[in-house]
Every structure is written in C-alpha cells, then in structure tokens.
C-alpha cells in the first residue's frame, strides 16, 4: 500500500535535502559533475561520463521516468554489453539511479531515495 503523504512530499520537495541536485537541468556542466564525483570519492572516468550523458539524453528524449525501476531497466539494457547492472553498480556504488542522477544534475524519479530501492544501503 502506498503512503500518499510520501508521494505528495516527493513531488513537492527538492530531490535532495543537501541541495546537490540542480534546479534547472540545463545549468549542468561537466565541471559540476566532476566536483560532485570528487565529493563522493569518485573520479569522473570516461565510463562514468558515458553513463551520465546517456542519462541526460534519456531524460531529454523521454522526460522524467515515473519510477526508478523503469530507468534502472533502461540503463541495464543500454549497458548490457559492458555488464549491465553489475557494471553500473561498479561505476556508481551508491546506486546507478540515485548517484547517476545526482552527478548528471537530474531529478530522481519518485521513490528512488526509498532505502528499499535504488541504493545499496
């Protein structure tokens, strides 16, 4: 059963309490992504940047996904040759949807910050 208060709050609240997400996705730069990756203890490698650019293209083409599962499946399919889910979690240890969206300057789909989905917590 859905908690309607969580769903309403997820739509009304910014994507991250710490303000790590951009208010306008067009303001994103690779420099921002590099800075945020360093804060996470990651180097922004070409592989990570490829996934980030794919996510930004996906959002531009398809809009914001309704749920994290759909985005996760699309990412796994797009990067199946490299190893799919395992590859994505290797690149984004805090979760490819959550950490990937944050580094890409994109809003996370509702439910992503739920500890039971989209993260490794």
PDB file of N, CA and C in Angstrom:
ATOM      1  N   UNK A   1       0.845  -1.179   0.000  1.00  0.00           N
ATOM      2  CA  UNK A   1       0.000   0.000   0.000  1.00  0.00           C
ATOM      3  C   UNK A   1       0.889   1.239   0.000  1.00  0.00           C
ATOM      4  N   UNK A   2       0.538   2.204  -0.845  1.00  0.00           N
ATOM      5  CA  UNK A   2       1.313   3.426  -0.955  1.00  0.00           C
ATOM      6  C   UNK A   2       0.993   4.374   0.186  1.00  0.00           C
ATOM      7  N   UNK A   3       2.012   5.059   0.674  1.00  0.00           N
ATOM      8  CA  UNK A   3       1.810   6.110   1.652  1.00  0.00           C
ATOM      9  C   UNK A   3       1.651   7.405   0.862  1.00  0.00           C
ATOM     10  N   UNK A   4       0.448   7.898   0.738  1.00  0.00           N
ATOM     11  CA  UNK A   4       0.164   9.061  -0.093  1.00  0.00           C
ATOM     12  C   UNK A   4       0.939  10.288   0.360  1.00  0.00           C
ATOM     13  N   UNK A   5       1.190  10.403   1.652  1.00  0.00           N
ATOM     14  CA  UNK A   5       1.949  11.553   2.149  1.00  0.00           C
ATOM     15  C   UNK A   5       3.383  11.550   1.616  1.00  0.00           C
ATOM     16  N   UNK A   6       3.980  10.356   1.496  1.00  0.00           N
ATOM     17  CA  UNK A   6       5.325  10.282   0.930  1.00  0.00           C
ATOM     18  C   UNK A   6       5.324  10.672  -0.538  1.00  0.00           C
ATOM     19  N   UNK A   7       4.310  10.226  -1.270  1.00  0.00           N
ATOM     20  CA  UNK A   7       4.233  10.554  -2.694  1.00  0.00           C
ATOM     21  C   UNK A   7       4.043  12.053  -2.902  1.00  0.00           C
ATOM     22  N   UNK A   8       3.198  12.666  -2.097  1.00  0.00           N
ATOM     23  CA  UNK A   8       2.981  14.111  -2.213  1.00  0.00           C
ATOM     24  C   UNK A   8       4.257  14.853  -1.850  1.00  0.00           C
ATOM     25  N   UNK A   9       4.911  14.441  -0.768  1.00  0.00           N
ATOM     26  CA  UNK A   9       6.143  15.100  -0.340  1.00  0.00           C
ATOM     27  C   UNK A   9       7.246  14.933  -1.374  1.00  0.00           C
ATOM     28  N   UNK A  10       7.317  13.781  -2.007  1.00  0.00           N
ATOM     29  CA  UNK A  10       8.357  13.538  -3.004  1.00  0.00           C
ATOM     30  C   UNK A  10       8.206  14.463  -4.197  1.00  0.00           C
ATOM     31  N   UNK A  11       6.965  14.805  -4.543  1.00  0.00           N
ATOM     32  CA  UNK A  11       6.752  15.706  -5.671  1.00  0.00           C
ATOM     33  C   UNK A  11       6.961  17.161  -5.274  1.00  0.00           C
ATOM     34  N   UNK A  12       6.748  17.491  -4.020  1.00  0.00           N
ATOM     35  CA  UNK A  12       6.831  18.881  -3.592  1.00  0.00           C
ATOM     36  C   UNK A  12       8.210  19.270  -3.096  1.00  0.00           C
ATOM     37  N   UNK A  13       8.988  18.306  -2.633  1.00  0.00           N
ATOM     38  CA  UNK A  13      10.286  18.602  -2.049  1.00  0.00           C
ATOM     39  C   UNK A  13      11.366  18.585  -3.115  1.00  0.00           C
ATOM     40  N   UNK A  14      12.466  19.337  -2.891  1.00  0.00           N
ATOM     41  CA  UNK A  14      13.582  19.207  -3.808  1.00  0.00           C
ATOM     42  C   UNK A  14      14.125  17.788  -3.753  1.00  0.00           C
ATOM     43  N   UNK A  15      14.824  17.364  -4.793  1.00  0.00           N
ATOM     44  CA  UNK A  15      15.281  15.988  -4.893  1.00  0.00           C
ATOM     45  C   UNK A  15      16.285  15.615  -3.824  1.00  0.00           C
ATOM     46  N   UNK A  16      16.962  16.571  -3.262  1.00  0.00           N
ATOM     47  CA  UNK A  16      17.980  16.273  -2.250  1.00  0.00           C
ATOM     48  C   UNK A  16      17.973  17.372  -1.208  1.00  0.00           C
ATOM     49  N   UNK A  17      17.893  16.993   0.047  1.00  0.00           N
ATOM     50  CA  UNK A  17      17.871  17.971   1.124  1.00  0.00           C
ATOM     51  C   UNK A  17      19.136  18.819   1.151  1.00  0.00           C
ATOM     52  N   UNK A  18      20.254  18.231   0.726  1.00  0.00           N
ATOM     53  CA  UNK A  18      21.529  18.947   0.756  1.00  0.00           C
ATOM     54  C   UNK A  18      21.680  19.901  -0.419  1.00  0.00           C
ATOM     55  N   UNK A  19      20.715  19.934  -1.328  1.00  0.00           N
ATOM     56  CA  UNK A  19      20.782  20.834  -2.463  1.00  0.00           C
ATOM     57  C   UNK A  19      21.769  20.393  -3.525  1.00  0.00           C
ATOM     58  N   UNK A  20      22.060  19.093  -3.577  1.00  0.00           N
ATOM     59  CA  UNK A  20      23.050  18.597  -4.530  1.00  0.00           C
ATOM     60  C   UNK A  20      22.510  18.532  -5.948  1.00  0.00           C
ATOM     61  N   UNK A  21      21.185  18.553  -6.113  1.00  0.00           N
ATOM     62  CA  UNK A  21      20.606  18.489  -7.443  1.00  0.00           C
ATOM     63  C   UNK A  21      20.391  19.906  -7.957  1.00  0.00           C
ATOM     64  N   UNK A  22      20.479  20.079  -9.243  1.00  0.00           N
ATOM     65  CA  UNK A  22      20.298  21.387  -9.846  1.00  0.00           C
ATOM     66  C   UNK A  22      18.815  21.694  -9.984  1.00  0.00           C
ATOM     67  N   UNK A  23      18.462  22.973  -9.835  1.00  0.00           N
ATOM     68  CA  UNK A  23      17.068  23.340 -10.000  1.00  0.00           C
ATOM     69  C   UNK A  23      16.691  23.403 -11.484  1.00  0.00           C
ATOM     70  N   UNK A  24      17.657  23.637 -12.356  1.00  0.00           N
ATOM     71  CA  UNK A  24      17.420  23.644 -13.800  1.00  0.00           C
ATOM     72  C   UNK A  24      18.443  22.718 -14.444  1.00  0.00           C
ATOM     73  N   UNK A  25      17.984  21.656 -15.083  1.00  0.00           N
ATOM     74  CA  UNK A  25      18.917  20.665 -15.615  1.00  0.00           C
ATOM     75  C   UNK A  25      19.779  21.223 -16.747  1.00  0.00           C
ATOM     76  N   UNK A  26      19.385  22.330 -17.325  1.00  0.00           N
ATOM     77  CA  UNK A  26      20.190  22.940 -18.386  1.00  0.00           C
ATOM     78  C   UNK A  26      21.432  23.630 -17.831  1.00  0.00           C
ATOM     79  N   UNK A  27      21.482  23.862 -16.519  1.00  0.00           N
ATOM     80  CA  UNK A  27      22.638  24.517 -15.897  1.00  0.00           C
ATOM     81  C   UNK A  27      23.793  23.553 -15.654  1.00  0.00           C
ATOM     82  N   UNK A  28      23.617  22.278 -15.940  1.00  0.00           N
ATOM     83  CA  UNK A  28      24.627  21.263 -15.673  1.00  0.00           C
ATOM     84  C   UNK A  28      25.861  21.472 -16.536  1.00  0.00           C
ATOM     85  N   UNK A  29      27.017  21.245 -15.937  1.00  0.00           N
ATOM     86  CA  UNK A  29      28.266  21.237 -16.688  1.00  0.00           C
ATOM     87  C   UNK A  29      29.076  20.028 -16.245  1.00  0.00           C
ATOM     88  N   UNK A  30      29.998  19.626 -17.073  1.00  0.00           N
ATOM     89  CA  UNK A  30      30.884  18.519 -16.718  1.00  0.00           C
ATOM     90  C   UNK A  30      31.708  18.873 -15.488  1.00  0.00           C
ATOM     91  N   UNK A  31      32.029  20.143 -15.330  1.00  0.00           N
ATOM     92  CA  UNK A  31      32.765  20.595 -14.143  1.00  0.00           C
ATOM     93  C   UNK A  31      31.959  20.337 -12.876  1.00  0.00           C
ATOM     94  N   UNK A  32      30.650  20.585 -12.925  1.00  0.00           N
ATOM     95  CA  UNK A  32      29.781  20.284 -11.774  1.00  0.00           C
ATOM     96  C   UNK A  32      29.828  18.797 -11.449  1.00  0.00           C
ATOM     97  N   UNK A  33      29.742  17.982 -12.495  1.00  0.00           N
ATOM     98  CA  UNK A  33      29.760  16.533 -12.297  1.00  0.00           C
ATOM     99  C   UNK A  33      31.086  16.090 -11.687  1.00  0.00           C
ATOM    100  N   UNK A  34      32.182  16.648 -12.158  1.00  0.00           N
ATOM    101  CA  UNK A  34      33.499  16.296 -11.603  1.00  0.00           C
ATOM    102  C   UNK A  34      33.595  16.681 -10.128  1.00  0.00           C
ATOM    103  N   UNK A  35      33.077  17.855  -9.782  1.00  0.00           N
ATOM    104  CA  UNK A  35      33.113  18.310  -8.390  1.00  0.00           C
ATOM    105  C   UNK A  35      32.284  17.385  -7.501  1.00  0.00           C
ATOM    106  N   UNK A  36      31.078  17.036  -7.958  1.00  0.00           N
ATOM    107  CA  UNK A  36      30.217  16.158  -7.158  1.00  0.00           C
ATOM    108  C   UNK A  36      30.803  14.749  -7.062  1.00  0.00           C
ATOM    109  N   UNK A  37      31.430  14.288  -8.133  1.00  0.00           N
ATOM    110  CA  UNK A  37      32.057  12.962  -8.103  1.00  0.00           C
ATOM    111  C   UNK A  37      33.199  12.949  -7.084  1.00  0.00           C
ATOM    112  N   UNK A  38      33.986  14.002  -7.051  1.00  0.00           N
ATOM    113  CA  UNK A  38      35.074  14.082  -6.059  1.00  0.00           C
ATOM    114  C   UNK A  38      34.509  14.055  -4.647  1.00  0.00           C
ATOM    115  N   UNK A  39      33.365  14.710  -4.432  1.00  0.00           N
ATOM    116  CA  UNK A  39      32.738  14.696  -3.105  1.00  0.00           C
ATOM    117  C   UNK A  39      32.316  13.277  -2.729  1.00  0.00           C
ATOM    118  N   UNK A  40      31.996  12.457  -3.723  1.00  0.00           N
ATOM    119  CA  UNK A  40      31.627  11.059  -3.491  1.00  0.00           C
ATOM    120  C   UNK A  40      32.840  10.143  -3.445  1.00  0.00           C
ATOM    121  N   UNK A  41      34.036  10.699  -3.653  1.00  0.00           N
ATOM    122  CA  UNK A  41      35.248   9.887  -3.656  1.00  0.00           C
ATOM    123  C   UNK A  41      35.453   9.143  -4.966  1.00  0.00           C
ATOM    124  N   UNK A  42      34.880   9.649  -6.060  1.00  0.00           N
ATOM    125  CA  UNK A  42      34.989   9.007  -7.370  1.00  0.00           C
ATOM    126  C   UNK A  42      35.733   9.905  -8.342  1.00  0.00           C
ATOM    127  N   UNK A  43      36.410   9.287  -9.295  1.00  0.00           N
ATOM    128  CA  UNK A  43      36.951  10.012 -10.435  1.00  0.00           C
ATOM    129  C   UNK A  43      35.908   9.943 -11.538  1.00  0.00           C
ATOM    130  N   UNK A  44      35.720  11.030 -12.241  1.00  0.00           N
ATOM    131  CA  UNK A  44      34.760  11.023 -13.340  1.00  0.00           C
ATOM    132  C   UNK A  44      35.454  10.477 -14.580  1.00  0.00           C
ATOM    133  N   UNK A  45      35.467   9.161 -14.669  1.00  0.00           N
ATOM    134  CA  UNK A  45      36.115   8.474 -15.783  1.00  0.00           C
ATOM    135  C   UNK A  45      35.248   8.593 -17.035  1.00  0.00           C
ATOM    136  N   UNK A  46      35.819   8.205 -18.169  1.00  0.00           N
ATOM    137  CA  UNK A  46      35.062   8.208 -19.423  1.00  0.00           C
ATOM    138  C   UNK A  46      33.845   7.294 -19.327  1.00  0.00           C
ATOM    139  N   UNK A  47      33.984   6.158 -18.632  1.00  0.00           N
ATOM    140  CA  UNK A  47      32.872   5.229 -18.489  1.00  0.00           C
ATOM    141  C   UNK A  47      31.730   5.860 -17.697  1.00  0.00           C
ATOM    142  N   UNK A  48      32.056   6.524 -16.600  1.00  0.00           N
ATOM    143  CA  UNK A  48      31.018   7.187 -15.803  1.00  0.00           C
ATOM    144  C   UNK A  48      30.387   8.321 -16.602  1.00  0.00           C
ATOM    145  N   UNK A  49      31.213   9.065 -17.306  1.00  0.00           N
ATOM    146  CA  UNK A  49      30.693  10.168 -18.104  1.00  0.00           C
ATOM    147  C   UNK A  49      29.784   9.670 -19.223  1.00  0.00           C
ATOM    148  N   UNK A  50      30.097   8.520 -19.808  1.00  0.00           N
ATOM    149  CA  UNK A  50      29.226   7.932 -20.831  1.00  0.00           C
ATOM    150  C   UNK A  50      27.839   7.634 -20.257  1.00  0.00           C
ATOM    151  N   UNK A  51      27.803   7.062 -19.059  1.00  0.00           N
ATOM    152  CA  UNK A  51      26.520   6.748 -18.429  1.00  0.00           C
ATOM    153  C   UNK A  51      25.766   8.037 -18.095  1.00  0.00           C
ATOM    154  N   UNK A  52      26.473   9.010 -17.574  1.00  0.00           N
ATOM    155  CA  UNK A  52      25.850  10.295 -17.226  1.00  0.00           C
ATOM    156  C   UNK A  52      25.257  10.954 -18.472  1.00  0.00           C
ATOM    157  N   UNK A  53      26.007  10.968 -19.556  1.00  0.00           N
ATOM    158  CA  UNK A  53      25.500  11.564 -20.807  1.00  0.00           C
ATOM    159  C   UNK A  53      24.320  10.769 -21.349  1.00  0.00           C
ATOM    160  N   UNK A  54      24.370   9.447 -21.218  1.00  0.00           N
ATOM    161  CA  UNK A  54      23.237   8.622 -21.644  1.00  0.00           C
ATOM    162  C   UNK A  54      22.001   8.991 -20.829  1.00  0.00           C
ATOM    163  N   UNK A  55      22.158   9.172 -19.522  1.00  0.00           N
ATOM    164  CA  UNK A  55      21.029   9.527 -18.659  1.00  0.00           C
ATOM    165  C   UNK A  55      20.448  10.875 -19.064  1.00  0.00           C
ATOM    166  N   UNK A  56      21.307  11.841 -19.334  1.00  0.00           N
ATOM    167  CA  UNK A  56      20.822  13.162 -19.736  1.00  0.00           C
ATOM    168  C   UNK A  56      20.074  13.078 -21.068  1.00  0.00           C
ATOM    169  N   UNK A  57      20.590  12.278 -22.001  1.00  0.00           N
ATOM    170  CA  UNK A  57      19.902  12.093 -23.280  1.00  0.00           C
ATOM    171  C   UNK A  57      18.553  11.397 -23.073  1.00  0.00           C
ATOM    172  N   UNK A  58      18.537  10.395 -22.195  1.00  0.00           N
ATOM    173  CA  UNK A  58      17.298   9.668 -21.898  1.00  0.00           C
ATOM    174  C   UNK A  58      16.252  10.628 -21.344  1.00  0.00           C
ATOM    175  N   UNK A  59      16.648  11.481 -20.402  1.00  0.00           N
ATOM    176  CA  UNK A  59      15.712  12.439 -19.817  1.00  0.00           C
ATOM    177  C   UNK A  59      15.229  13.424 -20.880  1.00  0.00           C
ATOM    178  N   UNK A  60      16.126  13.856 -21.770  1.00  0.00           N
ATOM    179  CA  UNK A  60      15.740  14.800 -22.822  1.00  0.00           C
ATOM    180  C   UNK A  60      14.750  14.159 -23.795  1.00  0.00           C
ATOM    181  N   UNK A  61      14.963  12.885 -24.120  1.00  0.00           N
ATOM    182  CA  UNK A  61      14.103  12.192 -25.082  1.00  0.00           C
ATOM    183  C   UNK A  61      12.794  11.712 -24.470  1.00  0.00           C
ATOM    184  N   UNK A  62      12.856  11.185 -23.254  1.00  0.00           N
ATOM    185  CA  UNK A  62      11.701  10.505 -22.656  1.00  0.00           C
ATOM    186  C   UNK A  62      11.061  11.267 -21.508  1.00  0.00           C
ATOM    187  N   UNK A  63      11.701  12.309 -21.019  1.00  0.00           N
ATOM    188  CA  UNK A  63      11.205  13.006 -19.846  1.00  0.00           C
ATOM    189  C   UNK A  63      11.583  12.251 -18.578  1.00  0.00           C
ATOM    190  N   UNK A  64      11.163  12.792 -17.453  1.00  0.00           N
ATOM    191  CA  UNK A  64      11.486  12.152 -16.182  1.00  0.00           C
ATOM    192  C   UNK A  64      10.688  10.865 -16.031  1.00  0.00           C
ATOM    193  N   UNK A  65      11.375   9.765 -15.706  1.00  0.00           N
ATOM    194  CA  UNK A  65      10.664   8.494 -15.532  1.00  0.00           C
ATOM    195  C   UNK A  65       9.705   8.549 -14.345  1.00  0.00           C
ATOM    196  N   UNK A  66       8.647   7.756 -14.423  1.00  0.00           N
ATOM    197  CA  UNK A  66       7.665   7.709 -13.341  1.00  0.00           C
ATOM    198  C   UNK A  66       8.196   7.007 -12.106  1.00  0.00           C
ATOM    199  N   UNK A  67       9.123   6.078 -12.318  1.00  0.00           N
ATOM    200  CA  UNK A  67       9.656   5.331 -11.180  1.00  0.00           C
ATOM    201  C   UNK A  67      11.114   4.948 -11.455  1.00  0.00           C
ATOM    202  N   UNK A  68      11.859   4.661 -10.407  1.00  0.00           N
ATOM    203  CA  UNK A  68      13.273   4.327 -10.595  1.00  0.00           C
ATOM    204  C   UNK A  68      13.481   2.994 -11.307  1.00  0.00           C
ATOM    205  N   UNK A  69      12.542   2.082 -11.164  1.00  0.00           N
ATOM    206  CA  UNK A  69      12.699   0.765 -11.767  1.00  0.00           C
ATOM    207  C   UNK A  69      12.771   0.856 -13.294  1.00  0.00           C
ATOM    208  N   UNK A  70      11.922   1.682 -13.898  1.00  0.00           N
ATOM    209  CA  UNK A  70      11.940   1.844 -15.349  1.00  0.00           C
ATOM    210  C   UNK A  70      13.266   2.403 -15.843  1.00  0.00           C
ATOM    211  N   UNK A  71      13.787   3.389 -15.137  1.00  0.00           N
ATOM    212  CA  UNK A  71      15.079   3.964 -15.502  1.00  0.00           C
ATOM    213  C   UNK A  71      16.185   2.932 -15.310  1.00  0.00           C
ATOM    214  N   UNK A  72      16.118   2.190 -14.228  1.00  0.00           N
ATOM    215  CA  UNK A  72      17.115   1.161 -13.960  1.00  0.00           C
ATOM    216  C   UNK A  72      17.144   0.113 -15.071  1.00  0.00           C
ATOM    217  N   UNK A  73      15.971  -0.341 -15.491  1.00  0.00           N
ATOM    218  CA  UNK A  73      15.900  -1.340 -16.561  1.00  0.00           C
ATOM    219  C   UNK A  73      16.431  -0.776 -17.884  1.00  0.00           C
ATOM    220  N   UNK A  74      16.102   0.471 -18.172  1.00  0.00           N
ATOM    221  CA  UNK A  74      16.592   1.095 -19.406  1.00  0.00           C
ATOM    222  C   UNK A  74      18.116   1.209 -19.382  1.00  0.00           C
ATOM    223  N   UNK A  75      18.661   1.571 -18.221  1.00  0.00           N
ATOM    224  CA  UNK A  75      20.116   1.673 -18.086  1.00  0.00           C
ATOM    225  C   UNK A  75      20.767   0.303 -18.255  1.00  0.00           C
ATOM    226  N   UNK A  76      20.197  -0.701 -17.629  1.00  0.00           N
ATOM    227  CA  UNK A  76      20.751  -2.057 -17.730  1.00  0.00           C
ATOM    228  C   UNK A  76      20.743  -2.551 -19.173  1.00  0.00           C
ATOM    229  N   UNK A  77      19.678  -2.244 -19.894  1.00  0.00           N
ATOM    230  CA  UNK A  77      19.604  -2.650 -21.306  1.00  0.00           C
ATOM    231  C   UNK A  77      20.627  -1.905 -22.154  1.00  0.00           C
ATOM    232  N   UNK A  78      20.753  -0.616 -21.911  1.00  0.00           N
ATOM    233  CA  UNK A  78      21.672   0.198 -22.699  1.00  0.00           C
ATOM    234  C   UNK A  78      23.132  -0.207 -22.477  1.00  0.00           C
ATOM    235  N   UNK A  79      23.451  -0.675 -21.286  1.00  0.00           N
ATOM    236  CA  UNK A  79      24.834  -1.024 -20.953  1.00  0.00           C
ATOM    237  C   UNK A  79      25.004  -2.523 -20.723  1.00  0.00           C
ATOM    238  N   UNK A  80      24.159  -3.312 -21.379  1.00  0.00           N
ATOM    239  CA  UNK A  80      24.212  -4.770 -21.235  1.00  0.00           C
ATOM    240  C   UNK A  80      25.537  -5.343 -21.724  1.00  0.00           C
ATOM    241  N   UNK A  81      26.070  -4.815 -22.804  1.00  0.00           N
ATOM    242  CA  UNK A  81      27.329  -5.338 -23.348  1.00  0.00           C
ATOM    243  C   UNK A  81      28.496  -5.137 -22.385  1.00  0.00           C
ATOM    244  N   UNK A  82      28.432  -4.077 -21.585  1.00  0.00           N
ATOM    245  CA  UNK A  82      29.502  -3.817 -20.624  1.00  0.00           C
ATOM    246  C   UNK A  82      29.323  -4.590 -19.320  1.00  0.00           C
ATOM    247  N   UNK A  83      28.161  -5.158 -19.109  1.00  0.00           N
ATOM    248  CA  UNK A  83      27.925  -5.927 -17.893  1.00  0.00           C
ATOM    249  C   UNK A  83      26.626  -5.602 -17.193  1.00  0.00           C
ATOM    250  N   UNK A  84      25.838  -4.689 -17.753  1.00  0.00           N
ATOM    251  CA  UNK A  84      24.517  -4.388 -17.197  1.00  0.00           C
ATOM    252  C   UNK A  84      24.553  -3.850 -15.781  1.00  0.00           C
ATOM    253  N   UNK A  85      23.725  -4.435 -14.937  1.00  0.00           N
ATOM    254  CA  UNK A  85      23.575  -3.959 -13.558  1.00  0.00           C
ATOM    255  C   UNK A  85      24.889  -3.978 -12.788  1.00  0.00           C
ATOM    256  N   UNK A  86      25.634  -5.060 -12.927  1.00  0.00           N
ATOM    257  CA  UNK A  86      26.900  -5.175 -12.204  1.00  0.00           C
ATOM    258  C   UNK A  86      27.866  -4.058 -12.608  1.00  0.00           C
ATOM    259  N   UNK A  87      27.937  -3.781 -13.888  1.00  0.00           N
ATOM    260  CA  UNK A  87      28.781  -2.709 -14.416  1.00  0.00           C
ATOM    261  C   UNK A  87      28.344  -1.358 -13.853  1.00  0.00           C
ATOM    262  N   UNK A  88      27.038  -1.091 -13.852  1.00  0.00           N
ATOM    263  CA  UNK A  88      26.525   0.190 -13.373  1.00  0.00           C
ATOM    264  C   UNK A  88      26.783   0.382 -11.881  1.00  0.00           C
ATOM    265  N   UNK A  89      26.602  -0.679 -11.099  1.00  0.00           N
ATOM    266  CA  UNK A  89      26.878  -0.561  -9.662  1.00  0.00           C
ATOM    267  C   UNK A  89      28.375  -0.437  -9.393  1.00  0.00           C
ATOM    268  N   UNK A  90      29.189  -0.988 -10.260  1.00  0.00           N
ATOM    269  CA  UNK A  90      30.646  -0.805 -10.130  1.00  0.00           C
ATOM    270  C   UNK A  90      30.996   0.668 -10.343  1.00  0.00           C
ATOM    271  N   UNK A  91      30.346   1.300 -11.317  1.00  0.00           N
ATOM    272  CA  UNK A  91      30.615   2.710 -11.595  1.00  0.00           C
ATOM    273  C   UNK A  91      30.012   3.633 -10.550  1.00  0.00           C
ATOM    274  N   UNK A  92      28.818   3.298 -10.088  1.00  0.00           N
ATOM    275  CA  UNK A  92      28.079   4.145  -9.151  1.00  0.00           C
ATOM    276  C   UNK A  92      27.714   3.330  -7.914  1.00  0.00           C
ATOM    277  N   UNK A  93      28.647   3.198  -6.970  1.00  0.00           N
ATOM    278  CA  UNK A  93      28.431   2.321  -5.814  1.00  0.00           C
ATOM    279  C   UNK A  93      27.264   2.729  -4.910  1.00  0.00           C
ATOM    280  N   UNK A  94      26.832   3.976  -4.962  1.00  0.00           N
ATOM    281  CA  UNK A  94      25.683   4.388  -4.153  1.00  0.00           C
ATOM    282  C   UNK A  94      24.367   4.127  -4.865  1.00  0.00           C
ATOM    283  N   UNK A  95      24.436   3.489  -6.012  1.00  0.00           N
ATOM    284  CA  UNK A  95      23.246   3.164  -6.804  1.00  0.00           C
ATOM    285  C   UNK A  95      23.252   3.932  -8.104  1.00  0.00           C
ATOM    286  N   UNK A  96      23.135   3.246  -9.227  1.00  0.00           N
ATOM    287  CA  UNK A  96      23.210   3.933 -10.514  1.00  0.00           C
ATOM    288  C   UNK A  96      22.101   4.956 -10.734  1.00  0.00           C
ATOM    289  N   UNK A  97      20.914   4.715 -10.218  1.00  0.00           N
ATOM    290  CA  UNK A  97      19.836   5.678 -10.405  1.00  0.00           C
ATOM    291  C   UNK A  97      20.064   6.894  -9.511  1.00  0.00           C
ATOM    292  N   UNK A  98      20.258   6.680  -8.234  1.00  0.00           N
ATOM    293  CA  UNK A  98      20.411   7.788  -7.297  1.00  0.00           C
ATOM    294  C   UNK A  98      21.687   8.585  -7.566  1.00  0.00           C
ATOM    295  N   UNK A  99      22.825   7.919  -7.545  1.00  0.00           N
ATOM    296  CA  UNK A  99      24.089   8.617  -7.724  1.00  0.00           C
ATOM    297  C   UNK A  99      24.249   9.119  -9.160  1.00  0.00           C
ATOM    298  N   UNK A 100      23.791   8.330 -10.118  1.00  0.00           N
ATOM    299  CA  UNK A 100      23.877   8.747 -11.515  1.00  0.00           C
ATOM    300  C   UNK A 100      23.068  10.007 -11.774  1.00  0.00           C
ATOM    301  N   UNK A 101      21.828  10.045 -11.280  1.00  0.00           N
ATOM    302  CA  UNK A 101      21.003  11.242 -11.459  1.00  0.00           C
ATOM    303  C   UNK A 101      21.644  12.454 -10.792  1.00  0.00           C
ATOM    304  N   UNK A 102      22.181  12.257  -9.613  1.00  0.00           N
ATOM    305  CA  UNK A 102      22.793  13.379  -8.906  1.00  0.00           C
ATOM    306  C   UNK A 102      23.973  13.931  -9.694  1.00  0.00           C
ATOM    307  N   UNK A 103      24.853  13.051 -10.170  1.00  0.00           N
ATOM    308  CA  UNK A 103      26.013  13.506 -10.932  1.00  0.00           C
ATOM    309  C   UNK A 103      25.609  14.100 -12.275  1.00  0.00           C
ATOM    310  N   UNK A 104      24.496  13.635 -12.834  1.00  0.00           N
ATOM    311  CA  UNK A 104      24.019  14.152 -14.117  1.00  0.00           C
ATOM    312  C   UNK A 104      23.202  15.434 -13.949  1.00  0.00           C
ATOM    313  N   UNK A 105      22.969  15.846 -12.701  1.00  0.00           N
ATOM    314  CA  UNK A 105      22.193  17.051 -12.459  1.00  0.00           C
ATOM    315  C   UNK A 105      20.724  16.879 -12.783  1.00  0.00           C
ATOM    316  N   UNK A 106      20.224  15.653 -12.632  1.00  0.00           N
ATOM    317  CA  UNK A 106      18.841  15.337 -12.984  1.00  0.00           C
ATOM    318  C   UNK A 106      18.025  15.042 -11.736  1.00  0.00           C
ATOM    319  N   UNK A 107      16.729  15.319 -11.779  1.00  0.00           N
ATOM    320  CA  UNK A 107      15.881  14.936 -10.648  1.00  0.00           C
ATOM    321  C   UNK A 107      15.737  13.422 -10.607  1.00  0.00           C
ATOM    322  N   UNK A 108      15.664  12.893  -9.419  1.00  0.00           N
ATOM    323  CA  UNK A 108      15.498  11.448  -9.294  1.00  0.00           C
ATOM    324  C   UNK A 108      14.018  11.101  -9.402  1.00  0.00           C
ATOM    325  N   UNK A 109      13.715   9.960  -9.975  1.00  0.00           N
ATOM    326  CA  UNK A 109      12.312   9.527 -10.010  1.00  0.00           C
ATOM    327  C   UNK A 109      11.779   9.338  -8.589  1.00  0.00           C
ATOM    328  N   UNK A 110      10.502   9.603  -8.402  1.00  0.00           N
ATOM    329  CA  UNK A 110       9.891   9.432  -7.082  1.00  0.00           C
ATOM    330  C   UNK A 110      10.118   8.012  -6.591  1.00  0.00           C
ATOM    331  N   UNK A 111      10.510   7.870  -5.341  1.00  0.00           N
ATOM    332  CA  UNK A 111      10.746   6.560  -4.753  1.00  0.00           C
ATOM    333  C   UNK A 111      12.190   6.126  -4.782  1.00  0.00           C
ATOM    334  N   UNK A 112      13.048   6.862  -5.461  1.00  0.00           N
ATOM    335  CA  UNK A 112      14.450   6.468  -5.561  1.00  0.00           C
ATOM    336  C   UNK A 112      15.158   6.552  -4.215  1.00  0.00           C
ATOM    337  N   UNK A 113      14.831   7.531  -3.419  1.00  0.00           N
ATOM    338  CA  UNK A 113      15.509   7.693  -2.145  1.00  0.00           C
ATOM    339  C   UNK A 113      14.948   6.777  -1.070  1.00  0.00           C
ATOM    340  N   UNK A 114      13.942   5.986  -1.407  1.00  0.00           N
ATOM    341  CA  UNK A 114      13.442   4.970  -0.503  1.00  0.00           C
ATOM    342  C   UNK A 114      14.565   3.962  -0.275  1.00  0.00           C
ATOM    343  N   UNK A 115      14.942   3.709   0.939  1.00  0.00           N
ATOM    344  CA  UNK A 115      16.081   2.844   1.245  1.00  0.00           C
ATOM    345  C   UNK A 115      15.892   1.412   0.738  1.00  0.00           C
ATOM    346  N   UNK A 116      14.673   1.061   0.367  1.00  0.00           N
ATOM    347  CA  UNK A 116      14.460  -0.294  -0.120  1.00  0.00           C
ATOM    348  C   UNK A 116      14.640  -0.419  -1.624  1.00  0.00           C
ATOM    349  N   UNK A 117      14.946   0.708  -2.315  1.00  0.00           N
ATOM    350  CA  UNK A 117      15.139   0.639  -3.759  1.00  0.00           C
ATOM    351  C   UNK A 117      16.126   1.685  -4.218  1.00  0.00           C
ATOM    352  N   UNK A 118      16.969   1.309  -5.157  1.00  0.00           N
ATOM    353  CA  UNK A 118      17.817   2.265  -5.861  1.00  0.00           C
ATOM    354  C   UNK A 118      19.111   2.628  -5.173  1.00  0.00           C
ATOM    355  N   UNK A 119      19.354   2.104  -3.984  1.00  0.00           N
ATOM    356  CA  UNK A 119      20.606   2.388  -3.313  1.00  0.00           C
ATOM    357  C   UNK A 119      21.170   1.073  -2.781  1.00  0.00           C
ATOM    358  N   UNK A 120      22.370   1.145  -2.293  1.00  0.00           N
ATOM    359  CA  UNK A 120      22.994  -0.041  -1.732  1.00  0.00           C
ATOM    360  C   UNK A 120      22.940  -0.047  -0.213  1.00  0.00           C
ATOM    361  N   UNK A 121      22.146   0.835   0.377  1.00  0.00           N
ATOM    362  CA  UNK A 121      22.040   0.923   1.839  1.00  0.00           C
ATOM    363  C   UNK A 121      21.166  -0.166   2.368  1.00  0.00           C
TER     364      UNK A 121
END
